[in-house]
Amino acid sequence: MIKVDHETGEVLNVTDLPKAEDERSGGCSFCNEIYDFTWAFLVQMQAVEDWLRIYEASSDFFWLNVEPLESFLFPGEEMDIHIGISTDGLIAEETYTSHLLINHNTPVEGILWIDITLNVIEREHSAPSDADVPFAHGLTSIYPNPFNAVGSVNFALDRASTVRLTVHDLVGRQVAVLTDGYMSSGQYSVVIDGSSWSSGTYLVSLSDGSRVSLMKVVLLK
């Protein structure tokens, strides 16, 4: 079994699946119907008799805890999501990644995809500099909030990509495009001008084509 980076084409050998000498594999498939967070690898084995051999793919997400895993919100409601991280059992000088996917039925964007990256360092090392810490992707703040006519939208990009920063009202209508184009990784601040808008609550959306970050902003005149 190998793992291939779809961006760089780099190939990494993950493991050799055990089998008997007289066995050979036929078709195979993946499924996650046994448990949502565990993938099973089903292989049709061919020998004197045919049968299915099932391998379970273990994950290294034990360092990450998200609460709640499932909830429902009605329009106008808010909810805090708590993310807990533990380095117990992790290897120093390694980087661990995970993803938080949020399904919703708003008319603004599709599934929200939030990357979570953990860099594990030795305790005796000095704190990493800003250049050593990868930027998190997404909106970081809107200041001031609430704002009166003019404010600033602050966001970070962990990689160079084509970025679209827009503002929608709560019924999904686009009222402004703040940024739309290719940008390098880094931290940015863009002016938001609501002088021609009505007072109320708006949603600021940052998208790079595969991930979306949303933040609520209130305009008071």
Protein backbone atom coordinates (compact mmCIF):
# COMPACT_ATOMS: atom_id res chain seq x y z
CA MET A 1 0.00 0.00 0.00
CA ILE A 2 1.42 3.38 -1.02
CA LYS A 3 0.42 6.97 -0.39
CA VAL A 4 0.69 9.51 -3.22
CA ASP A 5 0.76 13.30 -2.78
CA HIS A 6 -1.64 14.51 -5.48
CA GLU A 7 0.11 17.89 -5.69
CA THR A 8 3.77 16.83 -5.90
CA GLY A 9 3.44 13.22 -7.10
CA GLU A 10 5.65 12.05 -4.22
CA VAL A 11 5.14 8.36 -3.42
CA LEU A 12 5.45 6.98 0.13
CA ASN A 13 5.33 3.27 0.98
CA VAL A 14 2.86 2.92 3.87
CA THR A 15 2.83 -0.80 4.61
CA ASP A 16 2.97 -4.27 3.11
CA LEU A 17 -0.37 -6.03 3.58
CA PRO A 18 0.06 -9.59 4.90
CA LYS A 19 -1.09 -12.55 2.80
CA ALA A 20 -0.45 -16.27 2.58
CA GLU A 21 1.95 -17.72 0.00
CA ASP A 22 -0.82 -19.27 -2.13
CA GLU A 23 -2.96 -16.12 -2.12
CA ARG A 24 -3.17 -13.41 -4.72
CA SER A 25 -5.32 -10.31 -4.62
CA GLY A 26 -8.11 -9.52 -7.04
CA GLY A 27 -10.36 -6.47 -6.84
CA CYS A 28 -10.37 -4.12 -3.89
CA SER A 29 -12.36 -1.20 -2.49
CA PHE A 30 -12.48 1.25 0.43
CA CYS A 31 -15.48 2.03 2.63
CA ASN A 32 -16.17 3.92 5.86
CA GLU A 33 -19.56 2.42 6.64
CA ILE A 34 -18.26 0.47 9.64
CA TYR A 35 -17.38 3.69 11.47
CA ASP A 36 -17.39 7.23 10.08
CA PHE A 37 -13.78 7.94 11.06
CA THR A 38 -12.25 4.57 10.17
CA TRP A 39 -11.68 3.35 6.62
CA ALA A 40 -11.77 -0.35 5.81
CA PHE A 41 -9.82 -1.80 2.88
CA LEU A 42 -11.61 -4.81 1.36
CA VAL A 43 -9.56 -7.09 -0.89
CA GLN A 44 -10.87 -10.05 -2.84
CA MET A 45 -8.38 -12.86 -2.27
CA GLN A 46 -8.04 -15.61 -4.85
CA ALA A 47 -6.73 -19.10 -4.12
CA VAL A 48 -8.38 -22.52 -4.02
CA GLU A 49 -11.41 -20.64 -2.72
CA ASP A 50 -12.20 -16.93 -3.01
CA TRP A 51 -12.94 -14.76 0.02
CA LEU A 52 -12.69 -11.20 1.27
CA ARG A 53 -9.84 -10.05 3.47
CA ILE A 54 -10.60 -6.87 5.43
CA TYR A 55 -7.90 -4.48 6.62
CA GLU A 56 -8.78 -1.60 8.94
CA ALA A 57 -6.87 1.65 8.44
CA SER A 58 -5.93 3.09 11.82
CA SER A 59 -5.73 6.88 12.11
CA ASP A 60 -3.35 9.14 14.01
CA PHE A 61 -6.12 11.56 14.97
CA PHE A 62 -5.97 10.51 18.63
CA TRP A 63 -4.14 13.78 19.38
CA LEU A 64 -7.20 15.80 18.35
CA ASN A 65 -10.52 16.08 20.15
CA VAL A 66 -13.45 18.10 18.78
CA GLU A 67 -16.63 18.81 20.76
CA PRO A 68 -19.37 18.61 19.78
CA LEU A 69 -18.94 16.23 16.84
CA GLU A 70 -22.55 16.80 15.78
CA SER A 71 -25.10 19.50 16.50
CA PHE A 72 -27.89 21.52 14.91
CA LEU A 73 -28.30 25.30 14.81
CA PHE A 74 -31.38 27.29 13.94
CA PRO A 75 -31.16 30.66 12.14
CA GLY A 76 -29.67 33.33 14.39
CA GLU A 77 -28.11 30.87 16.84
CA GLU A 78 -24.40 30.64 17.66
CA MET A 79 -22.27 27.76 18.95
CA ASP A 80 -18.68 27.41 20.14
CA ILE A 81 -16.64 24.45 18.87
CA HIS A 82 -13.94 23.32 21.31
CA ILE A 83 -10.77 21.77 19.88
CA GLY A 84 -8.44 19.93 22.27
CA ILE A 85 -4.90 18.90 21.32
CA SER A 86 -2.56 16.51 23.15
CA THR A 87 1.06 15.65 22.24
CA ASP A 88 1.10 12.44 24.31
CA GLY A 89 2.49 9.64 22.16
CA LEU A 90 3.51 11.93 19.31
CA ILE A 91 7.00 12.07 17.80
CA ALA A 92 9.13 15.21 18.25
CA GLU A 93 10.04 17.19 15.13
CA GLU A 94 7.06 15.71 13.26
CA THR A 95 4.09 17.54 11.76
CA TYR A 96 0.56 16.17 12.21
CA THR A 97 -2.37 17.32 10.13
CA SER A 98 -6.10 16.87 10.31
CA HIS A 99 -9.17 18.51 8.82
CA LEU A 100 -12.42 19.83 10.26
CA LEU A 101 -15.34 19.59 7.82
CA ILE A 102 -18.56 21.45 8.58
CA ASN A 103 -21.69 20.69 6.59
CA HIS A 104 -24.33 23.41 6.43
CA ASN A 105 -27.34 24.45 4.35
CA THR A 106 -26.69 28.17 3.98
CA PRO A 107 -26.82 29.64 0.47
CA VAL A 108 -23.35 31.22 0.76
CA GLU A 109 -20.87 28.39 0.11
CA GLY A 110 -20.51 24.63 0.23
CA ILE A 111 -18.80 22.49 2.88
CA LEU A 112 -16.42 24.41 5.17
CA TRP A 113 -12.97 22.78 5.15
CA ILE A 114 -10.62 23.88 7.96
CA ASP A 115 -7.05 22.53 8.08
CA ILE A 116 -5.53 21.81 11.50
CA THR A 117 -1.72 21.51 11.69
CA LEU A 118 0.33 20.54 14.76
CA ASN A 119 4.14 20.91 14.82
CA VAL A 120 5.72 18.94 17.67
CA ILE A 121 9.05 20.30 18.98
CA GLU A 122 11.42 19.24 21.74
CA ARG A 123 10.71 20.92 25.08
CA GLU A 124 14.26 22.26 25.38
CA HIS A 125 14.07 24.00 22.01
CA SER A 126 13.39 27.70 21.88
CA ALA A 127 10.00 28.83 20.68
CA PRO A 128 9.76 28.81 16.90
CA SER A 129 9.92 32.13 15.09
CA ASP A 130 7.06 33.43 12.96
CA ALA A 131 8.89 32.16 9.87
CA ASP A 132 8.86 28.58 11.24
CA VAL A 133 5.14 28.48 11.98
CA PRO A 134 2.89 27.90 8.97
CA PHE A 135 0.12 30.41 8.51
CA ALA A 136 -3.35 29.12 9.29
CA HIS A 137 -5.82 29.46 6.45
CA GLY A 138 -8.84 31.64 7.04
CA LEU A 139 -10.29 34.85 8.38
CA THR A 140 -8.61 35.93 11.60
CA SER A 141 -10.52 39.08 12.60
CA ILE A 142 -12.67 41.97 11.46
CA TYR A 143 -11.95 45.28 13.17
CA PRO A 144 -13.90 47.02 14.47
CA ASN A 145 -16.87 44.72 14.78
CA PRO A 146 -19.51 46.15 14.86
CA PHE A 147 -18.21 48.79 12.43
CA ASN A 148 -19.58 52.08 11.15
CA ALA A 149 -19.07 52.36 7.38
CA VAL A 150 -15.36 51.38 7.20
CA GLY A 151 -13.35 48.59 8.83
CA SER A 152 -10.64 46.03 8.03
CA VAL A 153 -10.88 42.31 7.27
CA ASN A 154 -7.79 40.38 8.35
CA PHE A 155 -6.96 36.92 7.04
CA ALA A 156 -4.06 34.49 6.55
CA LEU A 157 -3.12 32.15 3.71
CA ASP A 158 -1.00 29.05 4.36
CA ARG A 159 -0.21 28.63 0.66
CA ALA A 160 -0.32 30.59 -2.56
CA SER A 161 -3.69 30.27 -4.26
CA THR A 162 -6.46 32.10 -6.08
CA VAL A 163 -8.49 33.79 -3.35
CA ARG A 164 -11.97 35.26 -3.39
CA LEU A 165 -13.10 37.44 -0.48
CA THR A 166 -16.77 38.41 -0.60
CA VAL A 167 -19.54 39.83 1.59
CA HIS A 168 -23.13 38.50 1.61
CA ASP A 169 -26.26 39.48 3.47
CA LEU A 170 -28.08 36.88 5.56
CA VAL A 171 -30.32 35.79 2.67
CA GLY A 172 -27.28 34.94 0.55
CA ARG A 173 -27.12 37.98 -1.74
CA GLN A 174 -23.60 39.13 -2.59
CA VAL A 175 -23.09 42.78 -1.69
CA ALA A 176 -19.34 43.19 -2.29
CA VAL A 177 -16.20 41.50 -3.66
CA LEU A 178 -13.22 42.61 -1.56
CA THR A 179 -10.54 40.45 -3.23
CA ASP A 180 -10.55 38.14 -6.23
CA GLY A 181 -7.21 36.92 -7.58
CA TYR A 182 -3.98 35.04 -7.00
CA MET A 183 -2.19 35.75 -3.70
CA SER A 184 0.98 34.42 -2.04
CA SER A 185 0.94 32.85 1.43
CA GLY A 186 1.03 35.36 4.27
CA GLN A 187 -1.13 37.62 6.39
CA TYR A 188 -3.33 40.28 4.80
CA SER A 189 -5.68 43.12 5.69
CA VAL A 190 -8.36 44.41 3.31
CA VAL A 191 -10.62 47.43 3.76
CA ILE A 192 -14.36 46.78 4.05
CA ASP A 193 -16.51 49.78 3.11
CA GLY A 194 -20.18 49.52 4.00
CA SER A 195 -21.07 53.17 3.55
CA SER A 196 -23.66 52.28 0.88
CA TRP A 197 -25.12 49.28 2.73
CA SER A 198 -28.03 49.09 5.12
CA SER A 199 -27.38 48.55 8.81
CA GLY A 200 -27.47 44.88 9.76
CA THR A 201 -25.51 41.64 9.95
CA TYR A 202 -23.40 40.36 7.05
CA LEU A 203 -21.24 37.30 6.34
CA VAL A 204 -17.67 37.70 5.11
CA SER A 205 -16.49 34.67 3.10
CA LEU A 206 -12.89 33.74 2.22
CA SER A 207 -12.50 30.94 -0.35
CA ASP A 208 -9.51 29.45 -2.17
CA GLY A 209 -11.58 27.05 -4.28
CA SER A 210 -11.35 24.11 -1.88
CA ARG A 211 -11.69 25.71 1.56
CA VAL A 212 -14.05 28.35 2.93
CA SER A 213 -13.81 30.52 6.05
CA LEU A 214 -16.81 32.55 7.26
CA MET A 215 -17.07 35.36 9.79
CA LYS A 216 -20.04 37.46 10.87
CA VAL A 217 -19.79 41.28 10.87
CA VAL A 218 -22.32 43.86 12.05
CA LEU A 219 -22.77 47.25 10.42
CA LEU A 220 -24.19 50.00 12.66
CA LYS A 221 -24.92 53.46 11.29
